[in-house]
Amino acid sequence: MIILNVKLVICLLEPTFYYVAVGKCSVDVKLSLFRSYCLCFYNIGMWSKYSSTVFKRMEACYNKCIKSFFKYRRLDSVTDMLSELGLTTFTDLFYDNVAKYKLRWLMANNDAIRHFTSAFVGRM
């Protein structure tokens, strides 16, 4: 189920970039569009069973889409590109969302959720 979800995200992510990137916008406008439409990984914190191959494909897709969206060349450095734009790497984005997801579970005020998470605190 998770692998299918990741593959679906990859398939949906690429056309979004090509569609939005057609316009001749400034870098600031493109960054705003990129952050609002392309970094919406709402359920990324729930990904727990995935292979390293799927993770690498997702990371490659993320980098490829940034390069095409901001019109970088294929051989340009990803590190330089991300630091120029002020964006994070896919790995940082992923682990930040996982940490936020776990924190939401641990800080929940609902008694049922607290009871459920108390059994799994060591595993979270």
PDB file of N, CA and C in Angstrom:
ATOM      1  N   MET A   1       0.823  -1.197   0.000  1.00  0.00           N
ATOM      2  CA  MET A   1       0.000   0.000   0.000  1.00  0.00           C
ATOM      3  C   MET A   1       0.865   1.259   0.000  1.00  0.00           C
ATOM      4  N   ILE A   2       1.877   1.311   0.854  1.00  0.00           N
ATOM      5  CA  ILE A   2       2.724   2.490   0.940  1.00  0.00           C
ATOM      6  C   ILE A   2       3.513   2.669  -0.358  1.00  0.00           C
ATOM      7  N   ILE A   3       4.029   1.580  -0.916  1.00  0.00           N
ATOM      8  CA  ILE A   3       4.811   1.670  -2.146  1.00  0.00           C
ATOM      9  C   ILE A   3       3.940   2.189  -3.282  1.00  0.00           C
ATOM     10  N   LEU A   4       2.696   1.744  -3.364  1.00  0.00           N
ATOM     11  CA  LEU A   4       1.786   2.246  -4.382  1.00  0.00           C
ATOM     12  C   LEU A   4       1.535   3.728  -4.178  1.00  0.00           C
ATOM     13  N   ASN A   5       1.402   4.145  -2.917  1.00  0.00           N
ATOM     14  CA  ASN A   5       1.182   5.548  -2.603  1.00  0.00           C
ATOM     15  C   ASN A   5       2.362   6.392  -3.059  1.00  0.00           C
ATOM     16  N   VAL A   6       3.578   5.929  -2.815  1.00  0.00           N
ATOM     17  CA  VAL A   6       4.779   6.658  -3.220  1.00  0.00           C
ATOM     18  C   VAL A   6       4.864   6.732  -4.734  1.00  0.00           C
ATOM     19  N   LYS A   7       4.574   5.639  -5.408  1.00  0.00           N
ATOM     20  CA  LYS A   7       4.601   5.639  -6.866  1.00  0.00           C
ATOM     21  C   LYS A   7       3.553   6.595  -7.436  1.00  0.00           C
ATOM     22  N   LEU A   8       2.393   6.665  -6.791  1.00  0.00           N
ATOM     23  CA  LEU A   8       1.357   7.591  -7.217  1.00  0.00           C
ATOM     24  C   LEU A   8       1.826   9.033  -7.039  1.00  0.00           C
ATOM     25  N   VAL A   9       2.485   9.318  -5.926  1.00  0.00           N
ATOM     26  CA  VAL A   9       3.010  10.671  -5.688  1.00  0.00           C
ATOM     27  C   VAL A   9       4.023  11.036  -6.753  1.00  0.00           C
ATOM     28  N   ILE A  10       4.896  10.103  -7.101  1.00  0.00           N
ATOM     29  CA  ILE A  10       5.902  10.374  -8.137  1.00  0.00           C
ATOM     30  C   ILE A  10       5.218  10.657  -9.468  1.00  0.00           C
ATOM     31  N   CYS A  11       4.207   9.882  -9.824  1.00  0.00           N
ATOM     32  CA  CYS A  11       3.504  10.090 -11.095  1.00  0.00           C
ATOM     33  C   CYS A  11       2.770  11.425 -11.120  1.00  0.00           C
ATOM     34  N   LEU A  12       2.204  11.821  -9.980  1.00  0.00           N
ATOM     35  CA  LEU A  12       1.459  13.070  -9.930  1.00  0.00           C
ATOM     36  C   LEU A  12       2.369  14.283  -9.804  1.00  0.00           C
ATOM     37  N   LEU A  13       3.553  14.096  -9.242  1.00  0.00           N
ATOM     38  CA  LEU A  13       4.449  15.205  -8.981  1.00  0.00           C
ATOM     39  C   LEU A  13       5.052  15.770 -10.260  1.00  0.00           C
ATOM     40  N   GLU A  14       5.508  14.929 -11.153  1.00  0.00           N
ATOM     41  CA  GLU A  14       6.203  15.390 -12.354  1.00  0.00           C
ATOM     42  C   GLU A  14       5.330  16.260 -13.261  1.00  0.00           C
ATOM     43  N   PRO A  15       4.107  15.853 -13.617  1.00  0.00           N
ATOM     44  CA  PRO A  15       3.298  16.721 -14.488  1.00  0.00           C
ATOM     45  C   PRO A  15       2.982  18.064 -13.846  1.00  0.00           C
ATOM     46  N   THR A  16       2.872  18.108 -12.526  1.00  0.00           N
ATOM     47  CA  THR A  16       2.583  19.360 -11.847  1.00  0.00           C
ATOM     48  C   THR A  16       3.672  20.376 -12.140  1.00  0.00           C
ATOM     49  N   PHE A  17       4.918  19.944 -12.080  1.00  0.00           N
ATOM     50  CA  PHE A  17       6.032  20.850 -12.346  1.00  0.00           C
ATOM     51  C   PHE A  17       5.994  21.354 -13.772  1.00  0.00           C
ATOM     52  N   TYR A  18       5.785  20.476 -14.723  1.00  0.00           N
ATOM     53  CA  TYR A  18       5.810  20.878 -16.116  1.00  0.00           C
ATOM     54  C   TYR A  18       4.659  21.816 -16.438  1.00  0.00           C
ATOM     55  N   TYR A  19       3.524  21.613 -15.825  1.00  0.00           N
ATOM     56  CA  TYR A  19       2.371  22.467 -16.074  1.00  0.00           C
ATOM     57  C   TYR A  19       2.594  23.869 -15.502  1.00  0.00           C
ATOM     58  N   VAL A  20       3.083  23.937 -14.267  1.00  0.00           N
ATOM     59  CA  VAL A  20       3.269  25.225 -13.607  1.00  0.00           C
ATOM     60  C   VAL A  20       4.487  25.955 -14.158  1.00  0.00           C
ATOM     61  N   ALA A  21       5.503  25.230 -14.606  1.00  0.00           N
ATOM     62  CA  ALA A  21       6.755  25.837 -15.051  1.00  0.00           C
ATOM     63  C   ALA A  21       6.655  26.510 -16.405  1.00  0.00           C
ATOM     64  N   VAL A  22       5.540  26.351 -17.086  1.00  0.00           N
ATOM     65  CA  VAL A  22       5.409  26.913 -18.428  1.00  0.00           C
ATOM     66  C   VAL A  22       5.456  28.436 -18.395  1.00  0.00           C
ATOM     67  N   GLY A  23       4.854  29.026 -17.377  1.00  0.00           N
ATOM     68  CA  GLY A  23       4.814  30.485 -17.284  1.00  0.00           C
ATOM     69  C   GLY A  23       6.183  31.091 -17.054  1.00  0.00           C
ATOM     70  N   LYS A  24       6.357  32.322 -17.522  1.00  0.00           N
ATOM     71  CA  LYS A  24       7.626  33.022 -17.332  1.00  0.00           C
ATOM     72  C   LYS A  24       7.495  33.895 -16.097  1.00  0.00           C
ATOM     73  N   CYS A  25       7.715  33.284 -14.948  1.00  0.00           N
ATOM     74  CA  CYS A  25       7.577  33.970 -13.669  1.00  0.00           C
ATOM     75  C   CYS A  25       8.950  34.244 -13.082  1.00  0.00           C
ATOM     76  N   SER A  26       8.990  35.143 -12.101  1.00  0.00           N
ATOM     77  CA  SER A  26      10.244  35.389 -11.398  1.00  0.00           C
ATOM     78  C   SER A  26      10.546  34.201 -10.483  1.00  0.00           C
ATOM     79  N   VAL A  27      11.766  34.148  -9.996  1.00  0.00           N
ATOM     80  CA  VAL A  27      12.179  33.044  -9.118  1.00  0.00           C
ATOM     81  C   VAL A  27      11.358  33.056  -7.832  1.00  0.00           C
ATOM     82  N   ASP A  28      11.062  34.247  -7.298  1.00  0.00           N
ATOM     83  CA  ASP A  28      10.263  34.336  -6.073  1.00  0.00           C
ATOM     84  C   ASP A  28       8.862  33.762  -6.260  1.00  0.00           C
ATOM     85  N   VAL A  29       8.260  34.061  -7.399  1.00  0.00           N
ATOM     86  CA  VAL A  29       6.917  33.530  -7.683  1.00  0.00           C
ATOM     87  C   VAL A  29       6.990  32.016  -7.859  1.00  0.00           C
ATOM     88  N   LYS A  30       8.008  31.542  -8.574  1.00  0.00           N
ATOM     89  CA  LYS A  30       8.162  30.099  -8.760  1.00  0.00           C
ATOM     90  C   LYS A  30       8.402  29.387  -7.430  1.00  0.00           C
ATOM     91  N   LEU A  31       9.203  30.009  -6.537  1.00  0.00           N
ATOM     92  CA  LEU A  31       9.425  29.405  -5.221  1.00  0.00           C
ATOM     93  C   LEU A  31       8.127  29.312  -4.437  1.00  0.00           C
ATOM     94  N   SER A  32       7.330  30.355  -4.515  1.00  0.00           N
ATOM     95  CA  SER A  32       6.038  30.346  -3.825  1.00  0.00           C
ATOM     96  C   SER A  32       5.126  29.253  -4.385  1.00  0.00           C
ATOM     97  N   LEU A  33       5.073  29.134  -5.708  1.00  0.00           N
ATOM     98  CA  LEU A  33       4.266  28.079  -6.341  1.00  0.00           C
ATOM     99  C   LEU A  33       4.793  26.694  -5.998  1.00  0.00           C
ATOM    100  N   PHE A  34       6.101  26.558  -6.019  1.00  0.00           N
ATOM    101  CA  PHE A  34       6.721  25.265  -5.703  1.00  0.00           C
ATOM    102  C   PHE A  34       6.399  24.836  -4.276  1.00  0.00           C
ATOM    103  N   ARG A  35       6.543  25.764  -3.347  1.00  0.00           N
ATOM    104  CA  ARG A  35       6.279  25.431  -1.935  1.00  0.00           C
ATOM    105  C   ARG A  35       4.804  25.114  -1.684  1.00  0.00           C
ATOM    106  N   SER A  36       3.917  25.809  -2.369  1.00  0.00           N
ATOM    107  CA  SER A  36       2.501  25.586  -2.097  1.00  0.00           C
ATOM    108  C   SER A  36       1.914  24.387  -2.842  1.00  0.00           C
ATOM    109  N   TYR A  37       2.380  24.113  -4.053  1.00  0.00           N
ATOM    110  CA  TYR A  37       1.781  23.032  -4.834  1.00  0.00           C
ATOM    111  C   TYR A  37       2.599  21.745  -4.877  1.00  0.00           C
ATOM    112  N   CYS A  38       3.890  21.852  -4.729  1.00  0.00           N
ATOM    113  CA  CYS A  38       4.728  20.682  -4.948  1.00  0.00           C
ATOM    114  C   CYS A  38       5.339  20.105  -3.676  1.00  0.00           C
ATOM    115  N   LEU A  39       5.250  20.816  -2.580  1.00  0.00           N
ATOM    116  CA  LEU A  39       5.778  20.290  -1.316  1.00  0.00           C
ATOM    117  C   LEU A  39       4.657  19.871  -0.376  1.00  0.00           C
ATOM    118  N   CYS A  40       3.529  19.504  -0.923  1.00  0.00           N
ATOM    119  CA  CYS A  40       2.381  19.086  -0.109  1.00  0.00           C
ATOM    120  C   CYS A  40       2.396  17.573   0.088  1.00  0.00           C
ATOM    121  N   PHE A  41       3.324  17.117   0.905  1.00  0.00           N
ATOM    122  CA  PHE A  41       3.402  15.689   1.216  1.00  0.00           C
ATOM    123  C   PHE A  41       2.674  15.466   2.538  1.00  0.00           C
ATOM    124  N   TYR A  42       1.345  15.513   2.507  1.00  0.00           N
ATOM    125  CA  TYR A  42       0.567  15.485   3.736  1.00  0.00           C
ATOM    126  C   TYR A  42       0.760  14.204   4.533  1.00  0.00           C
ATOM    127  N   ASN A  43       0.852  13.078   3.879  1.00  0.00           N
ATOM    128  CA  ASN A  43       0.940  11.801   4.594  1.00  0.00           C
ATOM    129  C   ASN A  43       2.338  11.215   4.603  1.00  0.00           C
ATOM    130  N   ILE A  44       3.345  12.007   4.288  1.00  0.00           N
ATOM    131  CA  ILE A  44       4.711  11.494   4.229  1.00  0.00           C
ATOM    132  C   ILE A  44       5.183  11.007   5.601  1.00  0.00           C
ATOM    133  N   GLY A  45       4.665  11.570   6.668  1.00  0.00           N
ATOM    134  CA  GLY A  45       5.043  11.153   8.022  1.00  0.00           C
ATOM    135  C   GLY A  45       4.575   9.756   8.366  1.00  0.00           C
ATOM    136  N   MET A  46       3.591   9.251   7.625  1.00  0.00           N
ATOM    137  CA  MET A  46       3.076   7.909   7.901  1.00  0.00           C
ATOM    138  C   MET A  46       3.800   6.830   7.126  1.00  0.00           C
ATOM    139  N   TRP A  47       4.698   7.202   6.241  1.00  0.00           N
ATOM    140  CA  TRP A  47       5.427   6.200   5.481  1.00  0.00           C
ATOM    141  C   TRP A  47       6.346   5.446   6.431  1.00  0.00           C
ATOM    142  N   SER A  48       6.133   4.171   6.562  1.00  0.00           N
ATOM    143  CA  SER A  48       6.982   3.378   7.451  1.00  0.00           C
ATOM    144  C   SER A  48       7.589   2.178   6.749  1.00  0.00           C
ATOM    145  N   LYS A  49       6.902   1.646   5.770  1.00  0.00           N
ATOM    146  CA  LYS A  49       7.414   0.471   5.059  1.00  0.00           C
ATOM    147  C   LYS A  49       7.658   0.840   3.607  1.00  0.00           C
ATOM    148  N   TYR A  50       8.896   1.117   3.298  1.00  0.00           N
ATOM    149  CA  TYR A  50       9.277   1.461   1.939  1.00  0.00           C
ATOM    150  C   TYR A  50      10.696   0.958   1.731  1.00  0.00           C
ATOM    151  N   SER A  51      11.005   0.663   0.516  1.00  0.00           N
ATOM    152  CA  SER A  51      12.354   0.183   0.214  1.00  0.00           C
ATOM    153  C   SER A  51      13.261   1.382  -0.074  1.00  0.00           C
ATOM    154  N   SER A  52      14.546   1.152   0.015  1.00  0.00           N
ATOM    155  CA  SER A  52      15.493   2.234  -0.273  1.00  0.00           C
ATOM    156  C   SER A  52      15.414   2.639  -1.737  1.00  0.00           C
ATOM    157  N   THR A  53      15.031   1.704  -2.591  1.00  0.00           N
ATOM    158  CA  THR A  53      14.877   2.012  -4.014  1.00  0.00           C
ATOM    159  C   THR A  53      13.763   3.027  -4.229  1.00  0.00           C
ATOM    160  N   VAL A  54      12.652   2.842  -3.551  1.00  0.00           N
ATOM    161  CA  VAL A  54      11.527   3.763  -3.686  1.00  0.00           C
ATOM    162  C   VAL A  54      11.911   5.136  -3.149  1.00  0.00           C
ATOM    163  N   PHE A  55      12.620   5.157  -2.021  1.00  0.00           N
ATOM    164  CA  PHE A  55      13.050   6.426  -1.436  1.00  0.00           C
ATOM    165  C   PHE A  55      13.999   7.158  -2.390  1.00  0.00           C
ATOM    166  N   LYS A  56      14.910   6.426  -2.997  1.00  0.00           N
ATOM    167  CA  LYS A  56      15.856   7.040  -3.946  1.00  0.00           C
ATOM    168  C   LYS A  56      15.143   7.544  -5.191  1.00  0.00           C
ATOM    169  N   ARG A  57      14.122   6.818  -5.650  1.00  0.00           N
ATOM    170  CA  ARG A  57      13.340   7.268  -6.806  1.00  0.00           C
ATOM    171  C   ARG A  57      12.606   8.570  -6.488  1.00  0.00           C
ATOM    172  N   MET A  58      12.048   8.619  -5.278  1.00  0.00           N
ATOM    173  CA  MET A  58      11.326   9.822  -4.864  1.00  0.00           C
ATOM    174  C   MET A  58      12.284  11.005  -4.765  1.00  0.00           C
ATOM    175  N   GLU A  59      13.464  10.767  -4.224  1.00  0.00           N
ATOM    176  CA  GLU A  59      14.473  11.819  -4.103  1.00  0.00           C
ATOM    177  C   GLU A  59      14.937  12.284  -5.491  1.00  0.00           C
ATOM    178  N   ALA A  60      15.141  11.341  -6.402  1.00  0.00           N
ATOM    179  CA  ALA A  60      15.546  11.683  -7.769  1.00  0.00           C
ATOM    180  C   ALA A  60      14.458  12.488  -8.475  1.00  0.00           C
ATOM    181  N   CYS A  61      13.217  12.101  -8.269  1.00  0.00           N
ATOM    182  CA  CYS A  61      12.101  12.824  -8.870  1.00  0.00           C
ATOM    183  C   CYS A  61      12.029  14.246  -8.321  1.00  0.00           C
ATOM    184  N   TYR A  62      12.229  14.398  -7.019  1.00  0.00           N
ATOM    185  CA  TYR A  62      12.226  15.709  -6.360  1.00  0.00           C
ATOM    186  C   TYR A  62      13.307  16.602  -6.979  1.00  0.00           C
ATOM    187  N   ASN A  63      14.520  16.069  -7.097  1.00  0.00           N
ATOM    188  CA  ASN A  63      15.626  16.847  -7.659  1.00  0.00           C
ATOM    189  C   ASN A  63      15.410  17.165  -9.137  1.00  0.00           C
ATOM    190  N   LYS A  64      14.907  16.187  -9.879  1.00  0.00           N
ATOM    191  CA  LYS A  64      14.654  16.378 -11.311  1.00  0.00           C
ATOM    192  C   LYS A  64      13.597  17.451 -11.544  1.00  0.00           C
ATOM    193  N   CYS A  65      12.571  17.433 -10.726  1.00  0.00           N
ATOM    194  CA  CYS A  65      11.500  18.405 -10.876  1.00  0.00           C
ATOM    195  C   CYS A  65      11.961  19.815 -10.519  1.00  0.00           C
ATOM    196  N   ILE A  66      12.802  19.936  -9.490  1.00  0.00           N
ATOM    197  CA  ILE A  66      13.339  21.256  -9.144  1.00  0.00           C
ATOM    198  C   ILE A  66      14.190  21.784 -10.284  1.00  0.00           C
ATOM    199  N   LYS A  67      15.011  20.917 -10.852  1.00  0.00           N
ATOM    200  CA  LYS A  67      15.872  21.346 -11.955  1.00  0.00           C
ATOM    201  C   LYS A  67      15.052  21.797 -13.163  1.00  0.00           C
ATOM    202  N   SER A  68      14.036  21.057 -13.508  1.00  0.00           N
ATOM    203  CA  SER A  68      13.233  21.438 -14.663  1.00  0.00           C
ATOM    204  C   SER A  68      12.367  22.662 -14.363  1.00  0.00           C
ATOM    205  N   PHE A  69      11.882  22.764 -13.152  1.00  0.00           N
ATOM    206  CA  PHE A  69      11.012  23.876 -12.763  1.00  0.00           C
ATOM    207  C   PHE A  69      11.763  25.200 -12.774  1.00  0.00           C
ATOM    208  N   PHE A  70      12.982  25.196 -12.262  1.00  0.00           N
ATOM    209  CA  PHE A  70      13.774  26.418 -12.179  1.00  0.00           C
ATOM    210  C   PHE A  70      14.808  26.537 -13.311  1.00  0.00           C
ATOM    211  N   LYS A  71      14.685  25.653 -14.288  1.00  0.00           N
ATOM    212  CA  LYS A  71      15.512  25.679 -15.501  1.00  0.00           C
ATOM    213  C   LYS A  71      17.006  25.597 -15.226  1.00  0.00           C
ATOM    214  N   TYR A  72      17.372  24.651 -14.367  1.00  0.00           N
ATOM    215  CA  TYR A  72      18.787  24.335 -14.169  1.00  0.00           C
ATOM    216  C   TYR A  72      19.183  23.268 -15.175  1.00  0.00           C
ATOM    217  N   ARG A  73      20.459  23.222 -15.497  1.00  0.00           N
ATOM    218  CA  ARG A  73      20.946  22.191 -16.412  1.00  0.00           C
ATOM    219  C   ARG A  73      21.038  20.852 -15.681  1.00  0.00           C
ATOM    220  N   ARG A  74      21.085  19.810 -16.429  1.00  0.00           N
ATOM    221  CA  ARG A  74      21.122  18.449 -15.891  1.00  0.00           C
ATOM    222  C   ARG A  74      22.353  18.211 -15.013  1.00  0.00           C
ATOM    223  N   LEU A  75      23.494  18.767 -15.391  1.00  0.00           N
ATOM    224  CA  LEU A  75      24.740  18.521 -14.666  1.00  0.00           C
ATOM    225  C   LEU A  75      25.014  19.527 -13.555  1.00  0.00           C
ATOM    226  N   ASP A  76      24.111  20.453 -13.300  1.00  0.00           N
ATOM    227  CA  ASP A  76      24.297  21.407 -12.208  1.00  0.00           C
ATOM    228  C   ASP A  76      24.245  20.690 -10.864  1.00  0.00           C
ATOM    229  N   SER A  77      24.997  21.192  -9.910  1.00  0.00           N
ATOM    230  CA  SER A  77      25.068  20.591  -8.581  1.00  0.00           C
ATOM    231  C   SER A  77      23.747  20.771  -7.836  1.00  0.00           C
ATOM    232  N   VAL A  78      23.247  19.690  -7.280  1.00  0.00           N
ATOM    233  CA  VAL A  78      22.005  19.739  -6.519  1.00  0.00           C
ATOM    234  C   VAL A  78      22.200  20.567  -5.248  1.00  0.00           C
ATOM    235  N   THR A  79      23.332  20.422  -4.597  1.00  0.00           N
ATOM    236  CA  THR A  79      23.609  21.169  -3.369  1.00  0.00           C
ATOM    237  C   THR A  79      23.625  22.667  -3.640  1.00  0.00           C
ATOM    238  N   ASP A  80      24.319  23.070  -4.697  1.00  0.00           N
ATOM    239  CA  ASP A  80      24.359  24.495  -5.049  1.00  0.00           C
ATOM    240  C   ASP A  80      22.971  25.007  -5.407  1.00  0.00           C
ATOM    241  N   MET A  81      22.233  24.208  -6.147  1.00  0.00           N
ATOM    242  CA  MET A  81      20.896  24.591  -6.567  1.00  0.00           C
ATOM    243  C   MET A  81      19.975  24.797  -5.357  1.00  0.00           C
ATOM    244  N   LEU A  82      19.985  23.854  -4.428  1.00  0.00           N
ATOM    245  CA  LEU A  82      19.118  23.952  -3.261  1.00  0.00           C
ATOM    246  C   LEU A  82      19.518  25.113  -2.354  1.00  0.00           C
ATOM    247  N   SER A  83      20.816  25.338  -2.193  1.00  0.00           N
ATOM    248  CA  SER A  83      21.246  26.446  -1.339  1.00  0.00           C
ATOM    249  C   SER A  83      20.937  27.796  -1.991  1.00  0.00           C
ATOM    250  N   GLU A  84      21.028  27.880  -3.306  1.00  0.00           N
ATOM    251  CA  GLU A  84      20.667  29.096  -4.033  1.00  0.00           C
ATOM    252  C   GLU A  84      19.198  29.435  -3.863  1.00  0.00           C
ATOM    253  N   LEU A  85      18.366  28.411  -3.911  1.00  0.00           N
ATOM    254  CA  LEU A  85      16.916  28.615  -3.833  1.00  0.00           C
ATOM    255  C   LEU A  85      16.401  28.669  -2.390  1.00  0.00           C
ATOM    256  N   GLY A  86      17.210  28.184  -1.455  1.00  0.00           N
ATOM    257  CA  GLY A  86      16.765  28.159  -0.061  1.00  0.00           C
ATOM    258  C   GLY A  86      15.817  27.017   0.240  1.00  0.00           C
ATOM    259  N   LEU A  87      15.922  25.944  -0.513  1.00  0.00           N
ATOM    260  CA  LEU A  87      15.077  24.763  -0.307  1.00  0.00           C
ATOM    261  C   LEU A  87      15.862  23.689   0.439  1.00  0.00           C
ATOM    262  N   THR A  88      15.146  22.753   1.020  1.00  0.00           N
ATOM    263  CA  THR A  88      15.792  21.651   1.717  1.00  0.00           C
ATOM    264  C   THR A  88      15.896  20.444   0.809  1.00  0.00           C
ATOM    265  N   THR A  89      16.749  19.512   1.195  1.00  0.00           N
ATOM    266  CA  THR A  89      16.848  18.259   0.444  1.00  0.00           C
ATOM    267  C   THR A  89      15.616  17.417   0.725  1.00  0.00           C
ATOM    268  N   PHE A  90      15.375  16.432  -0.119  1.00  0.00           N
ATOM    269  CA  PHE A  90      14.222  15.563   0.095  1.00  0.00           C
ATOM    270  C   PHE A  90      14.365  14.782   1.400  1.00  0.00           C
ATOM    271  N   THR A  91      15.575  14.359   1.728  1.00  0.00           N
ATOM    272  CA  THR A  91      15.801  13.604   2.960  1.00  0.00           C
ATOM    273  C   THR A  91      15.450  14.449   4.178  1.00  0.00           C
ATOM    274  N   ASP A  92      15.891  15.708   4.203  1.00  0.00           N
ATOM    275  CA  ASP A  92      15.547  16.601   5.313  1.00  0.00           C
ATOM    276  C   ASP A  92      14.050  16.841   5.390  1.00  0.00           C
ATOM    277  N   LEU A  93      13.436  17.036   4.245  1.00  0.00           N
ATOM    278  CA  LEU A  93      11.990  17.244   4.185  1.00  0.00           C
ATOM    279  C   LEU A  93      11.249  16.030   4.736  1.00  0.00           C
ATOM    280  N   PHE A  94      11.687  14.854   4.339  1.00  0.00           N
ATOM    281  CA  PHE A  94      11.056  13.615   4.778  1.00  0.00           C
ATOM    282  C   PHE A  94      11.161  13.449   6.296  1.00  0.00           C
ATOM    283  N   TYR A  95      12.382  13.524   6.832  1.00  0.00           N
ATOM    284  CA  TYR A  95      12.566  13.277   8.260  1.00  0.00           C
ATOM    285  C   TYR A  95      11.963  14.382   9.126  1.00  0.00           C
ATOM    286  N   ASP A  96      11.893  15.598   8.624  1.00  0.00           N
ATOM    287  CA  ASP A  96      11.232  16.680   9.354  1.00  0.00           C
ATOM    288  C   ASP A  96       9.738  16.403   9.472  1.00  0.00           C
ATOM    289  N   ASN A  97       9.121  15.945   8.388  1.00  0.00           N
ATOM    290  CA  ASN A  97       7.696  15.614   8.420  1.00  0.00           C
ATOM    291  C   ASN A  97       7.405  14.400   9.291  1.00  0.00           C
ATOM    292  N   VAL A  98       8.293  13.424   9.301  1.00  0.00           N
ATOM    293  CA  VAL A  98       8.116  12.255  10.172  1.00  0.00           C
ATOM    294  C   VAL A  98       8.167  12.687  11.635  1.00  0.00           C
ATOM    295  N   ALA A  99       9.113  13.552  11.979  1.00  0.00           N
ATOM    296  CA  ALA A  99       9.239  14.031  13.357  1.00  0.00           C
ATOM    297  C   ALA A  99       8.006  14.836  13.772  1.00  0.00           C
ATOM    298  N   LYS A 100       7.489  15.675  12.882  1.00  0.00           N
ATOM    299  CA  LYS A 100       6.284  16.451  13.178  1.00  0.00           C
ATOM    300  C   LYS A 100       5.074  15.543  13.380  1.00  0.00           C
ATOM    301  N   TYR A 101       4.978  14.507  12.564  1.00  0.00           N
ATOM    302  CA  TYR A 101       3.865  13.562  12.673  1.00  0.00           C
ATOM    303  C   TYR A 101       3.898  12.843  14.023  1.00  0.00           C
ATOM    304  N   LYS A 102       5.079  12.381  14.411  1.00  0.00           N
ATOM    305  CA  LYS A 102       5.208  11.689  15.701  1.00  0.00           C
ATOM    306  C   LYS A 102       4.924  12.630  16.856  1.00  0.00           C
ATOM    307  N   LEU A 103       5.352  13.868  16.753  1.00  0.00           N
ATOM    308  CA  LEU A 103       5.115  14.849  17.808  1.00  0.00           C
ATOM    309  C   LEU A 103       3.626  15.131  17.956  1.00  0.00           C
ATOM    310  N   ARG A 104       2.905  15.207  16.834  1.00  0.00           N
ATOM    311  CA  ARG A 104       1.451  15.408  16.900  1.00  0.00           C
ATOM    312  C   ARG A 104       0.766  14.269  17.642  1.00  0.00           C
ATOM    313  N   TRP A 105       1.219  13.040  17.391  1.00  0.00           N
ATOM    314  CA  TRP A 105       0.650  11.898  18.093  1.00  0.00           C
ATOM    315  C   TRP A 105       0.949  11.952  19.577  1.00  0.00           C
ATOM    316  N   LEU A 106       2.171  12.302  19.931  1.00  0.00           N
ATOM    317  CA  LEU A 106       2.572  12.315  21.334  1.00  0.00           C
ATOM    318  C   LEU A 106       1.969  13.477  22.108  1.00  0.00           C
ATOM    319  N   MET A 107       1.659  14.571  21.444  1.00  0.00           N
ATOM    320  CA  MET A 107       1.108  15.747  22.117  1.00  0.00           C
ATOM    321  C   MET A 107      -0.419  15.827  22.035  1.00  0.00           C
ATOM    322  N   ALA A 108      -1.072  14.811  21.545  1.00  0.00           N
ATOM    323  CA  ALA A 108      -2.529  14.829  21.378  1.00  0.00           C
ATOM    324  C   ALA A 108      -3.227  14.898  22.733  1.00  0.00           C
ATOM    325  N   ASN A 109      -4.350  15.635  22.785  1.00  0.00           N
ATOM    326  CA  ASN A 109      -5.129  15.790  24.015  1.00  0.00           C
ATOM    327  C   ASN A 109      -6.254  14.769  24.143  1.00  0.00           C
ATOM    328  N   ASN A 110      -6.477  13.983  23.146  1.00  0.00           N
ATOM    329  CA  ASN A 110      -7.534  12.988  23.141  1.00  0.00           C
ATOM    330  C   ASN A 110      -7.104  11.788  24.000  1.00  0.00           C
ATOM    331  N   ASP A 111      -7.962  11.357  24.922  1.00  0.00           N
ATOM    332  CA  ASP A 111      -7.626  10.241  25.819  1.00  0.00           C
ATOM    333  C   ASP A 111      -7.417   8.933  25.061  1.00  0.00           C
ATOM    334  N   ALA A 112      -8.216   8.679  24.041  1.00  0.00           N
ATOM    335  CA  ALA A 112      -8.073   7.441  23.269  1.00  0.00           C
ATOM    336  C   ALA A 112      -6.725   7.413  22.541  1.00  0.00           C
ATOM    337  N   ILE A 113      -6.342   8.536  21.978  1.00  0.00           N
ATOM    338  CA  ILE A 113      -5.055   8.597  21.279  1.00  0.00           C
ATOM    339  C   ILE A 113      -3.912   8.461  22.271  1.00  0.00           C
ATOM    340  N   ARG A 114      -4.036   9.102  23.445  1.00  0.00           N
ATOM    341  CA  ARG A 114      -2.986   8.971  24.470  1.00  0.00           C
ATOM    342  C   ARG A 114      -2.830   7.523  24.912  1.00  0.00           C
ATOM    343  N   HIS A 115      -3.946   6.833  25.097  1.00  0.00           N
ATOM    344  CA  HIS A 115      -3.894   5.427  25.506  1.00  0.00           C
ATOM    345  C   HIS A 115      -3.229   4.580  24.418  1.00  0.00           C
ATOM    346  N   PHE A 116      -3.580   4.849  23.172  1.00  0.00           N
ATOM    347  CA  PHE A 116      -3.001   4.108  22.055  1.00  0.00           C
ATOM    348  C   PHE A 116      -1.503   4.371  21.928  1.00  0.00           C
ATOM    349  N   THR A 117      -1.088   5.624  22.022  1.00  0.00           N
ATOM    350  CA  THR A 117       0.335   5.947  21.853  1.00  0.00           C
ATOM    351  C   THR A 117       1.172   5.534  23.037  1.00  0.00           C
ATOM    352  N   SER A 118       0.585   5.413  24.223  1.00  0.00           N
ATOM    353  CA  SER A 118       1.387   4.991  25.389  1.00  0.00           C
ATOM    354  C   SER A 118       1.929   3.577  25.202  1.00  0.00           C
ATOM    355  N   ALA A 119       1.226   2.753  24.464  1.00  0.00           N
ATOM    356  CA  ALA A 119       1.702   1.384  24.203  1.00  0.00           C
ATOM    357  C   ALA A 119       2.821   1.358  23.178  1.00  0.00           C
ATOM    358  N   PHE A 120       2.912   2.408  22.357  1.00  0.00           N
ATOM    359  CA  PHE A 120       3.878   2.412  21.266  1.00  0.00           C
ATOM    360  C   PHE A 120       4.970   3.469  21.406  1.00  0.00           C
ATOM    361  N   VAL A 121       5.086   4.093  22.545  1.00  0.00           N
ATOM    362  CA  VAL A 121       6.041   5.174  22.712  1.00  0.00           C
ATOM    363  C   VAL A 121       7.466   4.703  22.427  1.00  0.00           C
ATOM    364  N   GLY A 122       7.824   3.529  22.866  1.00  0.00           N
ATOM    365  CA  GLY A 122       9.167   3.013  22.620  1.00  0.00           C
ATOM    366  C   GLY A 122       9.458   2.772  21.148  1.00  0.00           C
ATOM    367  N   ARG A 123       8.416   2.457  20.375  1.00  0.00           N
ATOM    368  CA  ARG A 123       8.603   2.175  18.956  1.00  0.00           C
ATOM    369  C   ARG A 123       8.529   3.417  18.085  1.00  0.00           C
ATOM    370  N   MET A 124       7.985   4.490  18.616  1.00  0.00           N
ATOM    371  CA  MET A 124       7.849   5.725  17.828  1.00  0.00           C
ATOM    372  C   MET A 124       9.090   6.474  17.872  1.00  0.00           C
TER     373      MET A 124
END
